[in-house]
Amino acid sequence: MMHRNRQQILMILAIAAAGLYATDLLIIGPLGQWWSTRSQRIVTLRKQVHEGETLVKRETDIRIRWDFMRTNSLPSNTSLAEQKILSSFNAWSRASRAEVTDTLPQWKSDSDAYSTLNTRIEAVGTLATLGDFLYRIESSPLGLRLNSVQLVNRDKTGQRLSLGLQVSGLTLTPATKP
């Protein structure tokens, strides 16, 4: 009789353990995974809402910057754009007394909405003239961006320097330009 009760108790414990395992496998595990996925999605959505609120707060600044970029971008005609950027570099070099020794323009189309004119410029001069040349490029209203600047010593005294620039100019397609 004691043996039978013990078997029943073991049978009940085995069924309870199997039930708990099945509950964990079929209910608790998927529910926990769903909960963590939902938590990650909430974090992502909160981040996106924060970024959206930041953009809304900066709307006027972004619109002013975009209008500036549209009005000061290079012409959509490739020949006119190259002529404008090269004549600008010549004017800046004359004004700063830096000697431009080499220019290499190259077009790159990243999108249907815009393309960029990447230009490699080599100039020679003193530190003051090259600094003035860089200042004139940076303070220009043209839609230009300095991608890289390299300054190299050309003589033993350091009076004659060589400046290597990689400059990108923005050109908008006629559909997006006013």
C-alpha atoms as a PDB file:
ATOM      1  CA  MET A   1       0.000   0.000   0.000  1.00  0.00           C
ATOM      2  CA  MET A   2       2.793   2.358   0.840  1.00  0.00           C
ATOM      3  CA  HIS A   3       4.412   1.356  -2.434  1.00  0.00           C
ATOM      4  CA  ARG A   4       1.276   2.305  -4.417  1.00  0.00           C
ATOM      5  CA  ASN A   5       1.038   5.747  -2.761  1.00  0.00           C
ATOM      6  CA  ARG A   6       4.662   6.353  -3.551  1.00  0.00           C
ATOM      7  CA  GLN A   7       4.097   5.443  -7.211  1.00  0.00           C
ATOM      8  CA  GLN A   8       1.113   7.775  -7.384  1.00  0.00           C
ATOM      9  CA  ILE A   9       3.091  10.604  -5.831  1.00  0.00           C
ATOM     10  CA  LEU A  10       5.979  10.032  -8.264  1.00  0.00           C
ATOM     11  CA  MET A  11       3.521   9.846 -11.174  1.00  0.00           C
ATOM     12  CA  ILE A  12       1.914  13.151 -10.084  1.00  0.00           C
ATOM     13  CA  LEU A  13       5.335  14.777  -9.700  1.00  0.00           C
ATOM     14  CA  ALA A  14       6.417  13.494 -13.150  1.00  0.00           C
ATOM     15  CA  ILE A  15       3.198  14.813 -14.746  1.00  0.00           C
ATOM     16  CA  ALA A  16       3.595  18.139 -12.914  1.00  0.00           C
ATOM     17  CA  ALA A  17       7.232  18.430 -14.078  1.00  0.00           C
ATOM     18  CA  ALA A  18       6.205  17.620 -17.664  1.00  0.00           C
ATOM     19  CA  GLY A  19       3.389  20.170 -17.382  1.00  0.00           C
ATOM     20  CA  LEU A  20       5.758  22.833 -16.071  1.00  0.00           C
ATOM     21  CA  TYR A  21       8.239  22.069 -18.845  1.00  0.00           C
ATOM     22  CA  ALA A  22       5.476  22.271 -21.487  1.00  0.00           C
ATOM     23  CA  THR A  23       4.208  25.528 -19.952  1.00  0.00           C
ATOM     24  CA  ASP A  24       7.701  26.981 -20.076  1.00  0.00           C
ATOM     25  CA  LEU A  25       8.276  25.737 -23.610  1.00  0.00           C
ATOM     26  CA  LEU A  26       4.902  26.740 -25.075  1.00  0.00           C
ATOM     27  CA  ILE A  27       3.851  29.790 -23.047  1.00  0.00           C
ATOM     28  CA  ILE A  28       6.549  31.424 -20.931  1.00  0.00           C
ATOM     29  CA  GLY A  29       9.413  31.199 -23.500  1.00  0.00           C
ATOM     30  CA  PRO A  30       7.506  32.726 -26.440  1.00  0.00           C
ATOM     31  CA  LEU A  31       5.891  35.281 -24.145  1.00  0.00           C
ATOM     32  CA  GLY A  32       9.318  36.375 -22.844  1.00  0.00           C
ATOM     33  CA  GLN A  33      10.699  36.587 -26.365  1.00  0.00           C
ATOM     34  CA  TRP A  34       7.680  38.625 -27.478  1.00  0.00           C
ATOM     35  CA  TRP A  35       8.166  40.936 -24.487  1.00  0.00           C
ATOM     36  CA  SER A  36      11.859  41.583 -25.222  1.00  0.00           C
ATOM     37  CA  THR A  37      11.132  42.165 -28.929  1.00  0.00           C
ATOM     38  CA  ARG A  38       8.392  44.604 -27.970  1.00  0.00           C
ATOM     39  CA  SER A  39      10.724  46.400 -25.551  1.00  0.00           C
ATOM     40  CA  GLN A  40      13.381  46.769 -28.262  1.00  0.00           C
ATOM     41  CA  ARG A  41      10.768  48.119 -30.682  1.00  0.00           C
ATOM     42  CA  ILE A  42       9.609  50.663 -28.085  1.00  0.00           C
ATOM     43  CA  VAL A  43      13.200  51.851 -27.570  1.00  0.00           C
ATOM     44  CA  THR A  44      13.640  52.208 -31.356  1.00  0.00           C
ATOM     45  CA  LEU A  45      10.366  54.120 -31.705  1.00  0.00           C
ATOM     46  CA  ARG A  46      11.237  56.461 -28.823  1.00  0.00           C
ATOM     47  CA  LYS A  47      14.573  57.205 -30.463  1.00  0.00           C
ATOM     48  CA  GLN A  48      12.861  57.933 -33.785  1.00  0.00           C
ATOM     49  CA  VAL A  49      10.321  60.205 -32.083  1.00  0.00           C
ATOM     50  CA  HIS A  50      13.157  62.092 -30.366  1.00  0.00           C
ATOM     51  CA  GLU A  51      15.000  62.515 -33.687  1.00  0.00           C
ATOM     52  CA  GLY A  52      11.765  63.720 -35.310  1.00  0.00           C
ATOM     53  CA  GLU A  53      11.154  66.247 -32.545  1.00  0.00           C
ATOM     54  CA  THR A  54      14.726  67.507 -32.948  1.00  0.00           C
ATOM     55  CA  LEU A  55      14.214  67.934 -36.696  1.00  0.00           C
ATOM     56  CA  VAL A  56      10.956  69.816 -36.131  1.00  0.00           C
ATOM     57  CA  LYS A  57      12.709  72.163 -33.691  1.00  0.00           C
ATOM     58  CA  ARG A  58      15.486  72.787 -36.240  1.00  0.00           C
ATOM     59  CA  GLU A  59      13.143  73.171 -39.222  1.00  0.00           C
ATOM     60  CA  THR A  60      13.806  76.859 -39.856  1.00  0.00           C
ATOM     61  CA  ASP A  61      17.590  76.402 -39.633  1.00  0.00           C
ATOM     62  CA  ILE A  62      17.455  73.416 -41.986  1.00  0.00           C
ATOM     63  CA  ARG A  63      15.269  75.297 -44.480  1.00  0.00           C
ATOM     64  CA  ILE A  64      17.585  78.329 -44.403  1.00  0.00           C
ATOM     65  CA  ARG A  65      20.604  76.068 -44.969  1.00  0.00           C
ATOM     66  CA  TRP A  66      18.835  74.223 -47.822  1.00  0.00           C
ATOM     67  CA  ASP A  67      17.856  77.526 -49.506  1.00  0.00           C
ATOM     68  CA  PHE A  68      21.469  78.683 -49.189  1.00  0.00           C
ATOM     69  CA  MET A  69      22.699  75.423 -50.753  1.00  0.00           C
ATOM     70  CA  ARG A  70      20.169  75.657 -53.609  1.00  0.00           C
ATOM     71  CA  THR A  71      20.979  79.252 -54.460  1.00  0.00           C
ATOM     72  CA  ASN A  72      24.773  78.826 -54.175  1.00  0.00           C
ATOM     73  CA  SER A  73      25.191  75.464 -55.869  1.00  0.00           C
ATOM     74  CA  LEU A  74      27.154  75.168 -59.074  1.00  0.00           C
ATOM     75  CA  PRO A  75      25.282  75.395 -62.413  1.00  0.00           C
ATOM     76  CA  SER A  76      23.742  72.147 -63.644  1.00  0.00           C
ATOM     77  CA  ASN A  77      25.589  72.480 -66.970  1.00  0.00           C
ATOM     78  CA  THR A  78      28.883  70.627 -66.494  1.00  0.00           C
ATOM     79  CA  SER A  79      30.936  73.025 -68.639  1.00  0.00           C
ATOM     80  CA  LEU A  80      29.582  76.083 -66.835  1.00  0.00           C
ATOM     81  CA  ALA A  81      30.140  74.448 -63.448  1.00  0.00           C
ATOM     82  CA  GLU A  82      33.753  73.590 -64.253  1.00  0.00           C
ATOM     83  CA  GLN A  83      34.338  77.082 -65.651  1.00  0.00           C
ATOM     84  CA  LYS A  84      32.825  78.699 -62.550  1.00  0.00           C
ATOM     85  CA  ILE A  85      34.858  76.649 -60.080  1.00  0.00           C
ATOM     86  CA  LEU A  86      38.129  77.031 -62.020  1.00  0.00           C
ATOM     87  CA  SER A  87      37.652  80.790 -62.461  1.00  0.00           C
ATOM     88  CA  SER A  88      36.886  81.059 -58.738  1.00  0.00           C
ATOM     89  CA  PHE A  89      40.104  79.224 -57.865  1.00  0.00           C
ATOM     90  CA  ASN A  90      42.039  81.520 -60.208  1.00  0.00           C
ATOM     91  CA  ALA A  91      40.488  84.625 -58.602  1.00  0.00           C
ATOM     92  CA  TRP A  92      41.221  83.340 -55.098  1.00  0.00           C
ATOM     93  CA  SER A  93      44.808  82.493 -56.003  1.00  0.00           C
ATOM     94  CA  ARG A  94      45.391  85.957 -57.527  1.00  0.00           C
ATOM     95  CA  ALA A  95      43.858  87.675 -54.482  1.00  0.00           C
ATOM     96  CA  SER A  96      45.882  85.594 -52.014  1.00  0.00           C
ATOM     97  CA  ARG A  97      49.075  85.492 -54.158  1.00  0.00           C
ATOM     98  CA  ALA A  98      49.130  81.681 -53.959  1.00  0.00           C
ATOM     99  CA  GLU A  99      50.248  79.915 -57.133  1.00  0.00           C
ATOM    100  CA  VAL A 100      47.851  77.192 -58.322  1.00  0.00           C
ATOM    101  CA  THR A 101      50.001  74.628 -60.110  1.00  0.00           C
ATOM    102  CA  ASP A 102      47.451  71.924 -60.880  1.00  0.00           C
ATOM    103  CA  THR A 103      43.684  71.424 -60.990  1.00  0.00           C
ATOM    104  CA  LEU A 104      41.962  68.160 -61.771  1.00  0.00           C
ATOM    105  CA  PRO A 105      38.141  68.289 -61.895  1.00  0.00           C
ATOM    106  CA  GLN A 106      36.183  65.033 -61.881  1.00  0.00           C
ATOM    107  CA  TRP A 107      32.400  64.527 -61.909  1.00  0.00           C
ATOM    108  CA  LYS A 108      30.610  62.079 -59.633  1.00  0.00           C
ATOM    109  CA  SER A 109      26.864  61.386 -59.844  1.00  0.00           C
ATOM    110  CA  ASP A 110      25.576  59.931 -56.604  1.00  0.00           C
ATOM    111  CA  SER A 111      21.892  60.468 -57.257  1.00  0.00           C
ATOM    112  CA  ASP A 112      19.396  61.710 -59.824  1.00  0.00           C
ATOM    113  CA  ALA A 113      18.826  64.791 -57.659  1.00  0.00           C
ATOM    114  CA  TYR A 114      22.437  65.998 -57.515  1.00  0.00           C
ATOM    115  CA  SER A 115      26.001  65.414 -58.618  1.00  0.00           C
ATOM    116  CA  THR A 116      29.312  66.594 -57.253  1.00  0.00           C
ATOM    117  CA  LEU A 117      32.318  68.099 -58.953  1.00  0.00           C
ATOM    118  CA  ASN A 118      35.346  66.751 -57.085  1.00  0.00           C
ATOM    119  CA  THR A 119      38.409  68.859 -57.806  1.00  0.00           C
ATOM    120  CA  ARG A 120      42.006  68.210 -56.784  1.00  0.00           C
ATOM    121  CA  ILE A 121      43.982  71.449 -56.448  1.00  0.00           C
ATOM    122  CA  GLU A 122      47.705  71.888 -55.899  1.00  0.00           C
ATOM    123  CA  ALA A 123      48.948  75.318 -54.833  1.00  0.00           C
ATOM    124  CA  VAL A 124      52.335  76.662 -53.799  1.00  0.00           C
ATOM    125  CA  GLY A 125      53.171  79.627 -51.587  1.00  0.00           C
ATOM    126  CA  THR A 126      54.087  80.779 -48.117  1.00  0.00           C
ATOM    127  CA  LEU A 127      52.091  79.876 -45.045  1.00  0.00           C
ATOM    128  CA  ALA A 128      50.391  83.283 -45.102  1.00  0.00           C
ATOM    129  CA  THR A 129      49.397  83.110 -48.780  1.00  0.00           C
ATOM    130  CA  LEU A 130      48.140  79.542 -48.521  1.00  0.00           C
ATOM    131  CA  GLY A 131      46.207  80.396 -45.355  1.00  0.00           C
ATOM    132  CA  ASP A 132      44.596  83.341 -47.158  1.00  0.00           C
ATOM    133  CA  PHE A 133      43.797  81.059 -50.126  1.00  0.00           C
ATOM    134  CA  LEU A 134      42.096  78.545 -47.803  1.00  0.00           C
ATOM    135  CA  TYR A 135      40.187  81.325 -46.052  1.00  0.00           C
ATOM    136  CA  ARG A 136      38.842  82.615 -49.373  1.00  0.00           C
ATOM    137  CA  ILE A 137      37.657  79.123 -50.350  1.00  0.00           C
ATOM    138  CA  GLU A 138      35.959  78.534 -46.994  1.00  0.00           C
ATOM    139  CA  SER A 139      34.299  81.963 -46.855  1.00  0.00           C
ATOM    140  CA  SER A 140      33.006  81.742 -50.424  1.00  0.00           C
ATOM    141  CA  PRO A 141      29.241  81.520 -50.898  1.00  0.00           C
ATOM    142  CA  LEU A 142      29.728  78.748 -53.471  1.00  0.00           C
ATOM    143  CA  GLY A 143      28.459  75.312 -52.471  1.00  0.00           C
ATOM    144  CA  LEU A 144      31.939  73.906 -51.843  1.00  0.00           C
ATOM    145  CA  ARG A 145      33.277  71.568 -49.209  1.00  0.00           C
ATOM    146  CA  LEU A 146      36.913  70.877 -48.363  1.00  0.00           C
ATOM    147  CA  ASN A 147      37.274  67.101 -48.150  1.00  0.00           C
ATOM    148  CA  SER A 148      40.998  66.983 -47.457  1.00  0.00           C
ATOM    149  CA  VAL A 149      43.879  69.388 -46.938  1.00  0.00           C
ATOM    150  CA  GLN A 150      47.524  68.420 -47.199  1.00  0.00           C
ATOM    151  CA  LEU A 151      50.372  70.822 -46.447  1.00  0.00           C
ATOM    152  CA  VAL A 152      53.907  69.810 -47.477  1.00  0.00           C
ATOM    153  CA  ASN A 153      57.262  71.590 -47.037  1.00  0.00           C
ATOM    154  CA  ARG A 154      58.920  72.407 -50.413  1.00  0.00           C
ATOM    155  CA  ASP A 155      62.273  73.701 -49.159  1.00  0.00           C
ATOM    156  CA  LYS A 156      64.602  73.220 -46.197  1.00  0.00           C
ATOM    157  CA  THR A 157      63.691  76.499 -44.506  1.00  0.00           C
ATOM    158  CA  GLY A 158      59.931  75.912 -44.618  1.00  0.00           C
ATOM    159  CA  GLN A 159      59.266  79.189 -46.439  1.00  0.00           C
ATOM    160  CA  ARG A 160      57.855  77.537 -49.566  1.00  0.00           C
ATOM    161  CA  LEU A 161      54.940  75.173 -48.929  1.00  0.00           C
ATOM    162  CA  SER A 162      52.760  73.033 -51.161  1.00  0.00           C
ATOM    163  CA  LEU A 163      49.027  72.756 -50.478  1.00  0.00           C
ATOM    164  CA  GLY A 164      46.987  69.839 -51.771  1.00  0.00           C
ATOM    165  CA  LEU A 165      43.204  70.202 -51.595  1.00  0.00           C
ATOM    166  CA  GLN A 166      40.307  67.901 -52.405  1.00  0.00           C
ATOM    167  CA  VAL A 167      37.209  70.089 -52.903  1.00  0.00           C
ATOM    168  CA  SER A 168      33.640  68.999 -53.691  1.00  0.00           C
ATOM    169  CA  GLY A 169      31.137  71.292 -55.359  1.00  0.00           C
ATOM    170  CA  LEU A 170      27.406  70.617 -55.281  1.00  0.00           C
ATOM    171  CA  THR A 171      25.346  70.650 -58.489  1.00  0.00           C
ATOM    172  CA  LEU A 172      21.581  70.175 -58.261  1.00  0.00           C
ATOM    173  CA  THR A 173      19.581  68.844 -61.185  1.00  0.00           C
ATOM    174  CA  PRO A 174      17.179  71.309 -62.818  1.00  0.00           C
ATOM    175  CA  ALA A 175      14.136  69.546 -61.307  1.00  0.00           C
ATOM    176  CA  THR A 176      15.224  70.358 -57.723  1.00  0.00           C
ATOM    177  CA  LYS A 177      16.839  73.750 -58.326  1.00  0.00           C
ATOM    178  CA  PRO A 178      14.500  76.793 -58.311  1.00  0.00           C
END
